[in-house]
Each structure stands twice: as C-alpha cells, then as structure tokens.
C-alpha cells in the first residue's frame, strides 16, 4: 500500500512537467504556424500584380503553387508538421500520466 502511494506521488509530480512540455510544444506549434502564415502572406503580397493579372482561379492557383514551392516554404511546412507531432505526443504523455495516477489511486483504495 505504501509503495502505491509513493508511485502515485511520483507520477503526480511528473504531471506538471508533462504539462510544461505540452505548453512548450503548443508555443512551438503556434510560432511555426505563424511563420508559415507570414511567409505565405509575404509571397502573395510580393506577387500581387501577377495574381491580379491571372485570368481565372486555376491560373492563379497554379501561380500560387509555384511561388509557395520554395525550399523555405518546404522547411516551414516540415517544422509545422514536426511541431504538430511533438504537440500530439506531449498531449498523449499527459493523458497517460493522468490515467496512471487514477489507476494507482483506485488500486490503493481497493
């Protein structure tokens, strides 16, 4: 019984650290999403004249695909995907710890 309480306490102390990791990955995700949005906005503004001259949506869409198909854009998309994955994994870690704490608390009561 005492060992279960120690494990519960240890896990309960890990939860704030897990939440901090979750917060850090959320901030990283927001930062890379903002950077990607800023890049796309700059690319569109820099090429506004050409986009306005495009005769139809298909031509404009193809042109936008071309200006956004750059190494910088690819790197930003990759950073966003990595941040999304890290954020997802951090969320799972927090949920796992919370479930373990609940399980240990329930088993110590039984």
Protein backbone atom coordinates (compact mmCIF):
# COMPACT_ATOMS: atom_id res chain seq x y z
CA UNK A 1 0.00 0.00 0.00
CA UNK A 2 2.80 2.45 0.89
CA UNK A 3 4.61 1.68 -2.35
CA UNK A 4 1.48 2.53 -4.34
CA UNK A 5 1.28 5.90 -2.61
CA UNK A 6 4.93 6.58 -3.48
CA UNK A 7 4.30 5.69 -7.12
CA UNK A 8 1.18 7.85 -7.14
CA UNK A 9 3.12 10.75 -5.65
CA UNK A 10 5.94 10.34 -8.14
CA UNK A 11 3.53 10.27 -11.06
CA UNK A 12 1.61 13.22 -9.66
CA UNK A 13 4.87 15.21 -9.62
CA UNK A 14 5.57 14.22 -13.23
CA UNK A 15 2.26 15.66 -14.40
CA UNK A 16 3.28 19.35 -14.06
CA UNK A 17 6.47 18.61 -16.01
CA UNK A 18 4.41 16.90 -18.70
CA UNK A 19 2.07 19.88 -18.84
CA UNK A 20 5.09 22.18 -19.22
CA UNK A 21 6.29 20.07 -22.17
CA UNK A 22 2.79 20.27 -23.60
CA UNK A 23 2.79 24.05 -23.22
CA UNK A 24 6.23 24.31 -24.83
CA UNK A 25 5.18 22.25 -27.83
CA UNK A 26 1.98 24.30 -28.13
CA UNK A 27 4.04 27.51 -28.18
CA UNK A 28 6.38 26.00 -30.79
CA UNK A 29 3.41 24.95 -32.91
CA UNK A 30 1.93 28.45 -32.76
CA UNK A 31 5.30 30.00 -33.65
CA UNK A 32 5.90 27.81 -36.71
CA UNK A 33 2.30 28.21 -37.85
CA UNK A 34 2.70 31.98 -37.60
CA UNK A 35 6.00 31.85 -39.51
CA UNK A 36 4.39 29.78 -42.26
CA UNK A 37 1.42 32.16 -42.48
CA UNK A 38 3.74 35.18 -42.60
CA UNK A 39 5.79 33.60 -45.39
CA UNK A 40 2.70 32.79 -47.43
CA UNK A 41 1.30 36.29 -46.89
CA UNK A 42 4.61 37.90 -47.96
CA UNK A 43 4.77 35.70 -51.06
CA UNK A 44 1.25 36.68 -52.06
CA UNK A 45 1.85 40.40 -51.45
CA UNK A 46 5.13 40.35 -53.40
CA UNK A 47 3.34 38.74 -56.32
CA UNK A 48 0.03 40.58 -56.06
CA UNK A 49 0.28 42.17 -59.52
CA UNK A 50 0.75 38.83 -61.24
CA UNK A 51 -2.08 37.29 -59.22
CA UNK A 52 -4.39 40.16 -60.19
CA UNK A 53 -3.50 39.65 -63.82
CA UNK A 54 -4.34 35.93 -63.66
CA UNK A 55 -7.41 35.42 -65.83
CA UNK A 56 -9.03 32.67 -63.75
CA UNK A 57 -8.86 30.82 -60.46
CA UNK A 58 -6.98 27.87 -61.94
CA UNK A 59 -4.20 30.09 -63.29
CA UNK A 60 -3.96 31.98 -60.01
CA UNK A 61 -3.89 28.70 -58.05
CA UNK A 62 -1.13 27.31 -60.26
CA UNK A 63 0.85 30.52 -59.88
CA UNK A 64 0.47 30.43 -56.09
CA UNK A 65 1.63 26.81 -56.02
CA UNK A 66 4.73 27.94 -57.87
CA UNK A 67 5.60 30.81 -55.53
CA UNK A 68 4.97 28.68 -52.48
CA UNK A 69 7.04 25.78 -53.84
CA UNK A 70 10.34 27.01 -52.42
CA UNK A 71 12.88 25.47 -50.03
CA UNK A 72 11.92 28.00 -47.34
CA UNK A 73 8.24 27.10 -47.65
CA UNK A 74 9.06 23.37 -47.51
CA UNK A 75 11.19 23.89 -44.40
CA UNK A 76 8.38 25.82 -42.71
CA UNK A 77 5.86 23.11 -43.58
CA UNK A 78 8.24 20.48 -42.19
CA UNK A 79 8.74 22.47 -38.99
CA UNK A 80 4.98 22.79 -38.61
CA UNK A 81 4.47 19.04 -39.08
CA UNK A 82 7.21 18.26 -36.53
CA UNK A 83 5.69 20.70 -34.04
CA UNK A 84 2.23 19.18 -34.54
CA UNK A 85 3.65 15.70 -33.91
CA UNK A 86 5.55 16.83 -30.80
CA UNK A 87 2.42 18.54 -29.50
CA UNK A 88 0.34 15.40 -30.09
CA UNK A 89 2.92 13.21 -28.35
CA UNK A 90 3.10 15.61 -25.38
CA UNK A 91 -0.70 15.52 -25.06
CA UNK A 92 -0.61 11.72 -25.05
CA UNK A 93 2.09 11.77 -22.37
CA UNK A 94 -0.03 13.97 -20.13
CA UNK A 95 -3.08 11.77 -20.63
CA UNK A 96 -1.06 8.62 -19.89
CA UNK A 97 0.30 10.05 -16.65
CA UNK A 98 -3.14 11.17 -15.52
CA UNK A 99 -4.57 7.71 -16.22
CA UNK A 100 -1.75 6.04 -14.29
CA UNK A 101 -2.36 8.30 -11.30
CA UNK A 102 -6.08 7.49 -11.35
CA UNK A 103 -5.35 3.77 -11.64
CA UNK A 104 -2.91 3.83 -8.74
CA UNK A 105 -5.29 5.89 -6.60
CA UNK A 106 -8.12 3.44 -7.32
CA UNK A 107 -5.95 0.41 -6.57
CA UNK A 108 -4.76 1.94 -3.29
CA UNK A 109 -8.38 2.40 -2.18
CA UNK A 110 -9.28 -1.19 -3.01
